[in-house]
PDB file of N, CA and C in Angstrom:
ATOM      1  N   UNK A   1      89.885  87.845 129.187  1.00  0.00           N
ATOM      2  CA  UNK A   1      90.983  88.390 128.430  1.00  0.00           C
ATOM      3  C   UNK A   1      90.563  89.750 127.896  1.00  0.00           C
ATOM      4  N   UNK A   2      91.387  90.740 128.107  1.00  0.00           N
ATOM      5  CA  UNK A   2      91.093  92.084 127.647  1.00  0.00           C
ATOM      6  C   UNK A   2      91.851  92.362 126.358  1.00  0.00           C
ATOM      7  N   UNK A   3      91.188  92.977 125.401  1.00  0.00           N
ATOM      8  CA  UNK A   3      91.852  93.387 124.179  1.00  0.00           C
ATOM      9  C   UNK A   3      91.442  94.814 123.905  1.00  0.00           C
ATOM     10  N   UNK A   4      92.428  95.684 123.774  1.00  0.00           N
ATOM     11  CA  UNK A   4      92.174  97.078 123.481  1.00  0.00           C
ATOM     12  C   UNK A   4      92.874  97.409 122.176  1.00  0.00           C
ATOM     13  N   UNK A   5      92.236  98.191 121.314  1.00  0.00           N
ATOM     14  CA  UNK A   5      92.809  98.539 120.019  1.00  0.00           C
ATOM     15  C   UNK A   5      93.182 100.010 120.001  1.00  0.00           C
ATOM     16  N   UNK A   6      94.350 100.307 119.460  1.00  0.00           N
ATOM     17  CA  UNK A   6      94.858 101.667 119.367  1.00  0.00           C
ATOM     18  C   UNK A   6      95.404 101.905 117.972  1.00  0.00           C
ATOM     19  N   UNK A   7      95.083 103.031 117.388  1.00  0.00           N
ATOM     20  CA  UNK A   7      95.742 103.438 116.143  1.00  0.00           C
ATOM     21  C   UNK A   7      97.143 103.884 116.524  1.00  0.00           C
ATOM     22  N   UNK A   8      98.156 103.436 115.787  1.00  0.00           N
ATOM     23  CA  UNK A   8      99.527 103.733 116.182  1.00  0.00           C
ATOM     24  C   UNK A   8     100.213 104.728 115.260  1.00  0.00           C
ATOM     25  N   UNK A   9      99.499 105.329 114.341  1.00  0.00           N
ATOM     26  CA  UNK A   9     100.114 106.244 113.384  1.00  0.00           C
ATOM     27  C   UNK A   9     100.890 107.374 114.024  1.00  0.00           C
ATOM     28  N   UNK A  10     100.439 107.866 115.148  1.00  0.00           N
ATOM     29  CA  UNK A  10     101.131 108.987 115.785  1.00  0.00           C
ATOM     30  C   UNK A  10     102.358 108.541 116.575  1.00  0.00           C
ATOM     31  N   UNK A  11     102.493 107.251 116.812  1.00  0.00           N
ATOM     32  CA  UNK A  11     103.618 106.751 117.594  1.00  0.00           C
ATOM     33  C   UNK A  11     104.875 106.681 116.740  1.00  0.00           C
ATOM     34  N   UNK A  12     104.740 106.250 115.499  1.00  0.00           N
ATOM     35  CA  UNK A  12     105.895 106.152 114.602  1.00  0.00           C
ATOM     36  C   UNK A  12     106.759 104.952 114.910  1.00  0.00           C
ATOM     37  N   UNK A  13     107.831 104.816 114.170  1.00  0.00           N
ATOM     38  CA  UNK A  13     108.733 103.686 114.316  1.00  0.00           C
ATOM     39  C   UNK A  13     109.837 104.049 115.298  1.00  0.00           C
ATOM     40  N   UNK A  14     109.862 103.376 116.426  1.00  0.00           N
ATOM     41  CA  UNK A  14     110.830 103.676 117.481  1.00  0.00           C
ATOM     42  C   UNK A  14     111.794 102.507 117.654  1.00  0.00           C
ATOM     43  N   UNK A  15     112.510 102.147 116.579  1.00  0.00           N
ATOM     44  CA  UNK A  15     113.494 101.086 116.673  1.00  0.00           C
ATOM     45  C   UNK A  15     112.901  99.695 116.708  1.00  0.00           C
ATOM     46  N   UNK A  16     111.676  99.537 116.281  1.00  0.00           N
ATOM     47  CA  UNK A  16     111.074  98.214 116.247  1.00  0.00           C
ATOM     48  C   UNK A  16     110.440  97.979 114.883  1.00  0.00           C
ATOM     49  N   UNK A  17     109.624  96.980 114.759  1.00  0.00           N
ATOM     50  CA  UNK A  17     109.018  96.624 113.477  1.00  0.00           C
ATOM     51  C   UNK A  17     107.708  97.343 113.208  1.00  0.00           C
ATOM     52  N   UNK A  18     107.287  98.183 114.108  1.00  0.00           N
ATOM     53  CA  UNK A  18     106.025  98.904 113.969  1.00  0.00           C
ATOM     54  C   UNK A  18     106.100  99.935 112.843  1.00  0.00           C
ATOM     55  N   UNK A  19     105.034  99.984 112.043  1.00  0.00           N
ATOM     56  CA  UNK A  19     104.940 101.003 110.997  1.00  0.00           C
ATOM     57  C   UNK A  19     103.823 101.980 111.360  1.00  0.00           C
ATOM     58  N   UNK A  20     103.762 103.088 110.648  1.00  0.00           N
ATOM     59  CA  UNK A  20     102.736 104.094 110.920  1.00  0.00           C
ATOM     60  C   UNK A  20     101.334 103.617 110.578  1.00  0.00           C
ATOM     61  N   UNK A  21     101.209 102.550 109.788  1.00  0.00           N
ATOM     62  CA  UNK A  21      99.894 102.051 109.373  1.00  0.00           C
ATOM     63  C   UNK A  21      99.347 100.980 110.297  1.00  0.00           C
ATOM     64  N   UNK A  22     100.025 100.677 111.370  1.00  0.00           N
ATOM     65  CA  UNK A  22      99.615  99.558 112.220  1.00  0.00           C
ATOM     66  C   UNK A  22      98.633  99.974 113.300  1.00  0.00           C
ATOM     67  N   UNK A  23      97.773  99.021 113.630  1.00  0.00           N
ATOM     68  CA  UNK A  23      96.874  99.137 114.767  1.00  0.00           C
ATOM     69  C   UNK A  23      97.402  98.202 115.836  1.00  0.00           C
ATOM     70  N   UNK A  24      97.291  98.593 117.075  1.00  0.00           N
ATOM     71  CA  UNK A  24      97.813  97.804 118.195  1.00  0.00           C
ATOM     72  C   UNK A  24      96.661  97.165 118.960  1.00  0.00           C
ATOM     73  N   UNK A  25      96.718  95.850 119.112  1.00  0.00           N
ATOM     74  CA  UNK A  25      95.805  95.131 119.997  1.00  0.00           C
ATOM     75  C   UNK A  25      96.589  94.867 121.277  1.00  0.00           C
ATOM     76  N   UNK A  26      96.177  95.467 122.362  1.00  0.00           N
ATOM     77  CA  UNK A  26      96.921  95.404 123.621  1.00  0.00           C
ATOM     78  C   UNK A  26      96.253  94.431 124.575  1.00  0.00           C
ATOM     79  N   UNK A  27      97.020  93.481 125.067  1.00  0.00           N
ATOM     80  CA  UNK A  27      96.475  92.488 125.979  1.00  0.00           C
ATOM     81  C   UNK A  27      97.163  92.496 127.326  1.00  0.00           C
ATOM     82  N   UNK A  28      96.825  91.516 128.142  1.00  0.00           N
ATOM     83  CA  UNK A  28      97.420  91.401 129.463  1.00  0.00           C
ATOM     84  C   UNK A  28      98.857  90.895 129.392  1.00  0.00           C
ATOM     85  N   UNK A  29      99.140  90.018 128.414  1.00  0.00           N
ATOM     86  CA  UNK A  29     100.452  89.396 128.336  1.00  0.00           C
ATOM     87  C   UNK A  29     101.217  89.729 127.066  1.00  0.00           C
ATOM     88  N   UNK A  30     100.547  90.229 126.038  1.00  0.00           N
ATOM     89  CA  UNK A  30     101.246  90.557 124.801  1.00  0.00           C
ATOM     90  C   UNK A  30     100.483  91.635 124.041  1.00  0.00           C
ATOM     91  N   UNK A  31     101.161  92.213 123.079  1.00  0.00           N
ATOM     92  CA  UNK A  31     100.560  93.186 122.171  1.00  0.00           C
ATOM     93  C   UNK A  31     100.775  92.686 120.754  1.00  0.00           C
ATOM     94  N   UNK A  32      99.768  92.842 119.918  1.00  0.00           N
ATOM     95  CA  UNK A  32      99.879  92.466 118.514  1.00  0.00           C
ATOM     96  C   UNK A  32      99.663  93.725 117.681  1.00  0.00           C
ATOM     97  N   UNK A  33     100.619  94.008 116.815  1.00  0.00           N
ATOM     98  CA  UNK A  33     100.535  95.132 115.890  1.00  0.00           C
ATOM     99  C   UNK A  33     100.232  94.561 114.509  1.00  0.00           C
ATOM    100  N   UNK A  34      99.249  95.123 113.815  1.00  0.00           N
ATOM    101  CA  UNK A  34      98.911  94.622 112.489  1.00  0.00           C
ATOM    102  C   UNK A  34      98.537  95.771 111.577  1.00  0.00           C
ATOM    103  N   UNK A  35      98.630  95.506 110.267  1.00  0.00           N
ATOM    104  CA  UNK A  35      98.299  96.536 109.285  1.00  0.00           C
ATOM    105  C   UNK A  35      96.876  96.359 108.748  1.00  0.00           C
ATOM    106  N   UNK A  36      96.582  95.241 108.126  1.00  0.00           N
ATOM    107  CA  UNK A  36      95.295  95.110 107.436  1.00  0.00           C
ATOM    108  C   UNK A  36      94.495  93.878 107.824  1.00  0.00           C
ATOM    109  N   UNK A  37      95.133  92.818 108.224  1.00  0.00           N
ATOM    110  CA  UNK A  37      94.443  91.552 108.463  1.00  0.00           C
ATOM    111  C   UNK A  37      93.943  91.445 109.907  1.00  0.00           C
ATOM    112  N   UNK A  38      92.871  92.177 110.210  1.00  0.00           N
ATOM    113  CA  UNK A  38      92.380  92.222 111.587  1.00  0.00           C
ATOM    114  C   UNK A  38      91.941  90.850 112.094  1.00  0.00           C
ATOM    115  N   UNK A  39      91.220  90.071 111.282  1.00  0.00           N
ATOM    116  CA  UNK A  39      90.748  88.759 111.736  1.00  0.00           C
ATOM    117  C   UNK A  39      91.911  87.843 112.094  1.00  0.00           C
ATOM    118  N   UNK A  40      92.938  87.828 111.252  1.00  0.00           N
ATOM    119  CA  UNK A  40      94.122  87.012 111.530  1.00  0.00           C
ATOM    120  C   UNK A  40      94.839  87.519 112.777  1.00  0.00           C
ATOM    121  N   UNK A  41      94.935  88.832 112.907  1.00  0.00           N
ATOM    122  CA  UNK A  41      95.601  89.419 114.072  1.00  0.00           C
ATOM    123  C   UNK A  41      94.872  89.070 115.360  1.00  0.00           C
ATOM    124  N   UNK A  42      93.555  89.074 115.326  1.00  0.00           N
ATOM    125  CA  UNK A  42      92.770  88.716 116.515  1.00  0.00           C
ATOM    126  C   UNK A  42      93.014  87.255 116.881  1.00  0.00           C
ATOM    127  N   UNK A  43      93.084  86.361 115.882  1.00  0.00           N
ATOM    128  CA  UNK A  43      93.374  84.948 116.152  1.00  0.00           C
ATOM    129  C   UNK A  43      94.754  84.793 116.790  1.00  0.00           C
ATOM    130  N   UNK A  44      95.756  85.467 116.223  1.00  0.00           N
ATOM    131  CA  UNK A  44      97.111  85.415 116.773  1.00  0.00           C
ATOM    132  C   UNK A  44      97.112  85.973 118.185  1.00  0.00           C
ATOM    133  N   UNK A  45      96.451  87.104 118.372  1.00  0.00           N
ATOM    134  CA  UNK A  45      96.395  87.744 119.683  1.00  0.00           C
ATOM    135  C   UNK A  45      95.787  86.811 120.726  1.00  0.00           C
ATOM    136  N   UNK A  46      94.642  86.218 120.410  1.00  0.00           N
ATOM    137  CA  UNK A  46      93.958  85.356 121.378  1.00  0.00           C
ATOM    138  C   UNK A  46      94.836  84.185 121.798  1.00  0.00           C
ATOM    139  N   UNK A  47      95.467  83.533 120.839  1.00  0.00           N
ATOM    140  CA  UNK A  47      96.336  82.405 121.158  1.00  0.00           C
ATOM    141  C   UNK A  47      97.563  82.859 121.943  1.00  0.00           C
ATOM    142  N   UNK A  48      98.206  83.916 121.490  1.00  0.00           N
ATOM    143  CA  UNK A  48      99.428  84.386 122.149  1.00  0.00           C
ATOM    144  C   UNK A  48      99.161  84.888 123.563  1.00  0.00           C
ATOM    145  N   UNK A  49      98.112  85.669 123.744  1.00  0.00           N
ATOM    146  CA  UNK A  49      97.828  86.208 125.072  1.00  0.00           C
ATOM    147  C   UNK A  49      97.470  85.089 126.046  1.00  0.00           C
ATOM    148  N   UNK A  50      96.821  84.055 125.533  1.00  0.00           N
ATOM    149  CA  UNK A  50      96.452  82.899 126.358  1.00  0.00           C
ATOM    150  C   UNK A  50      97.684  82.080 126.743  1.00  0.00           C
ATOM    151  N   UNK A  51      98.618  81.898 125.808  1.00  0.00           N
ATOM    152  CA  UNK A  51      99.773  81.030 126.020  1.00  0.00           C
ATOM    153  C   UNK A  51     100.972  81.711 126.672  1.00  0.00           C
ATOM    154  N   UNK A  52     101.086  83.019 126.565  1.00  0.00           N
ATOM    155  CA  UNK A  52     102.281  83.714 127.044  1.00  0.00           C
ATOM    156  C   UNK A  52     102.486  83.543 128.541  1.00  0.00           C
ATOM    157  N   UNK A  53     101.433  83.585 129.321  1.00  0.00           N
ATOM    158  CA  UNK A  53     101.574  83.404 130.770  1.00  0.00           C
ATOM    159  C   UNK A  53     102.140  82.026 131.087  1.00  0.00           C
ATOM    160  N   UNK A  54     101.627  81.000 130.416  1.00  0.00           N
ATOM    161  CA  UNK A  54     102.106  79.636 130.654  1.00  0.00           C
ATOM    162  C   UNK A  54     103.569  79.485 130.256  1.00  0.00           C
ATOM    163  N   UNK A  55     103.944  80.067 129.124  1.00  0.00           N
ATOM    164  CA  UNK A  55     105.333  79.995 128.672  1.00  0.00           C
ATOM    165  C   UNK A  55     106.245  80.740 129.638  1.00  0.00           C
ATOM    166  N   UNK A  56     105.834  81.928 130.079  1.00  0.00           N
ATOM    167  CA  UNK A  56     106.631  82.713 131.018  1.00  0.00           C
ATOM    168  C   UNK A  56     106.834  81.951 132.326  1.00  0.00           C
ATOM    169  N   UNK A  57     105.809  81.295 132.796  1.00  0.00           N
ATOM    170  CA  UNK A  57     105.905  80.510 134.034  1.00  0.00           C
ATOM    171  C   UNK A  57     106.900  79.367 133.858  1.00  0.00           C
ATOM    172  N   UNK A  58     106.816  78.663 132.738  1.00  0.00           N
ATOM    173  CA  UNK A  58     107.743  77.550 132.477  1.00  0.00           C
ATOM    174  C   UNK A  58     109.184  78.033 132.360  1.00  0.00           C
ATOM    175  N   UNK A  59     109.386  79.241 131.857  1.00  0.00           N
ATOM    176  CA  UNK A  59     110.728  79.797 131.721  1.00  0.00           C
ATOM    177  C   UNK A  59     111.237  80.424 133.019  1.00  0.00           C
ATOM    178  N   UNK A  60     110.360  80.513 134.019  1.00  0.00           N
ATOM    179  CA  UNK A  60     110.767  81.026 135.316  1.00  0.00           C
ATOM    180  C   UNK A  60     110.741  82.534 135.447  1.00  0.00           C
ATOM    181  N   UNK A  61     110.026  83.225 134.563  1.00  0.00           N
ATOM    182  CA  UNK A  61     109.926  84.676 134.679  1.00  0.00           C
ATOM    183  C   UNK A  61     109.067  85.028 135.884  1.00  0.00           C
ATOM    184  N   UNK A  62     109.513  85.992 136.661  1.00  0.00           N
ATOM    185  CA  UNK A  62     108.740  86.403 137.830  1.00  0.00           C
ATOM    186  C   UNK A  62     107.865  87.614 137.530  1.00  0.00           C
ATOM    187  N   UNK A  63     108.150  88.290 136.417  1.00  0.00           N
ATOM    188  CA  UNK A  63     107.373  89.461 136.023  1.00  0.00           C
ATOM    189  C   UNK A  63     106.955  89.309 134.568  1.00  0.00           C
ATOM    190  N   UNK A  64     105.948  90.058 134.181  1.00  0.00           N
ATOM    191  CA  UNK A  64     105.514  90.049 132.797  1.00  0.00           C
ATOM    192  C   UNK A  64     106.599  90.622 131.910  1.00  0.00           C
ATOM    193  N   UNK A  65     106.813  89.979 130.788  1.00  0.00           N
ATOM    194  CA  UNK A  65     107.776  90.456 129.805  1.00  0.00           C
ATOM    195  C   UNK A  65     107.056  91.313 128.780  1.00  0.00           C
ATOM    196  N   UNK A  66     107.800  92.144 128.076  1.00  0.00           N
ATOM    197  CA  UNK A  66     107.247  92.995 127.030  1.00  0.00           C
ATOM    198  C   UNK A  66     107.228  92.193 125.725  1.00  0.00           C
ATOM    199  N   UNK A  67     106.122  91.507 125.451  1.00  0.00           N
ATOM    200  CA  UNK A  67     106.001  90.649 124.268  1.00  0.00           C
ATOM    201  C   UNK A  67     105.191  91.392 123.206  1.00  0.00           C
ATOM    202  N   UNK A  68     105.822  91.638 122.061  1.00  0.00           N
ATOM    203  CA  UNK A  68     105.160  92.310 120.953  1.00  0.00           C
ATOM    204  C   UNK A  68     105.254  91.446 119.700  1.00  0.00           C
ATOM    205  N   UNK A  69     104.147  91.331 118.985  1.00  0.00           N
ATOM    206  CA  UNK A  69     104.083  90.567 117.747  1.00  0.00           C
ATOM    207  C   UNK A  69     103.665  91.516 116.647  1.00  0.00           C
ATOM    208  N   UNK A  70     104.370  91.488 115.544  1.00  0.00           N
ATOM    209  CA  UNK A  70     104.100  92.399 114.420  1.00  0.00           C
ATOM    210  C   UNK A  70     103.662  91.590 113.207  1.00  0.00           C
ATOM    211  N   UNK A  71     102.517  91.976 112.630  1.00  0.00           N
ATOM    212  CA  UNK A  71     101.993  91.312 111.438  1.00  0.00           C
ATOM    213  C   UNK A  71     101.911  92.363 110.334  1.00  0.00           C
ATOM    214  N   UNK A  72     102.738  92.164 109.314  1.00  0.00           N
ATOM    215  CA  UNK A  72     102.791  93.123 108.213  1.00  0.00           C
ATOM    216  C   UNK A  72     101.994  92.595 107.032  1.00  0.00           C
ATOM    217  N   UNK A  73     101.352  93.479 106.321  1.00  0.00           N
ATOM    218  CA  UNK A  73     100.596  93.098 105.142  1.00  0.00           C
ATOM    219  C   UNK A  73     101.463  92.970 103.899  1.00  0.00           C
ATOM    220  N   UNK A  74     102.746  93.224 104.046  1.00  0.00           N
ATOM    221  CA  UNK A  74     103.672  93.186 102.908  1.00  0.00           C
ATOM    222  C   UNK A  74     104.162  91.791 102.678  1.00  0.00           C
TER     223      UNK A  74
END
């Protein structure tokens, strides 16, 4: 499982729940955006990235979906 982290401050809010203070953990099947709780975000990311492929297969998706999870410190 690959996890890449990106600072997202320069991206801004583009009609989604992302804030300028979020860091993005990018995976093969999902992305997790978080503000301060990195350990919790990594746990969520690991579970979600592992399970998303299985869920997509059960739902009959033939291509990867754009799955984003946002964790706010507020």
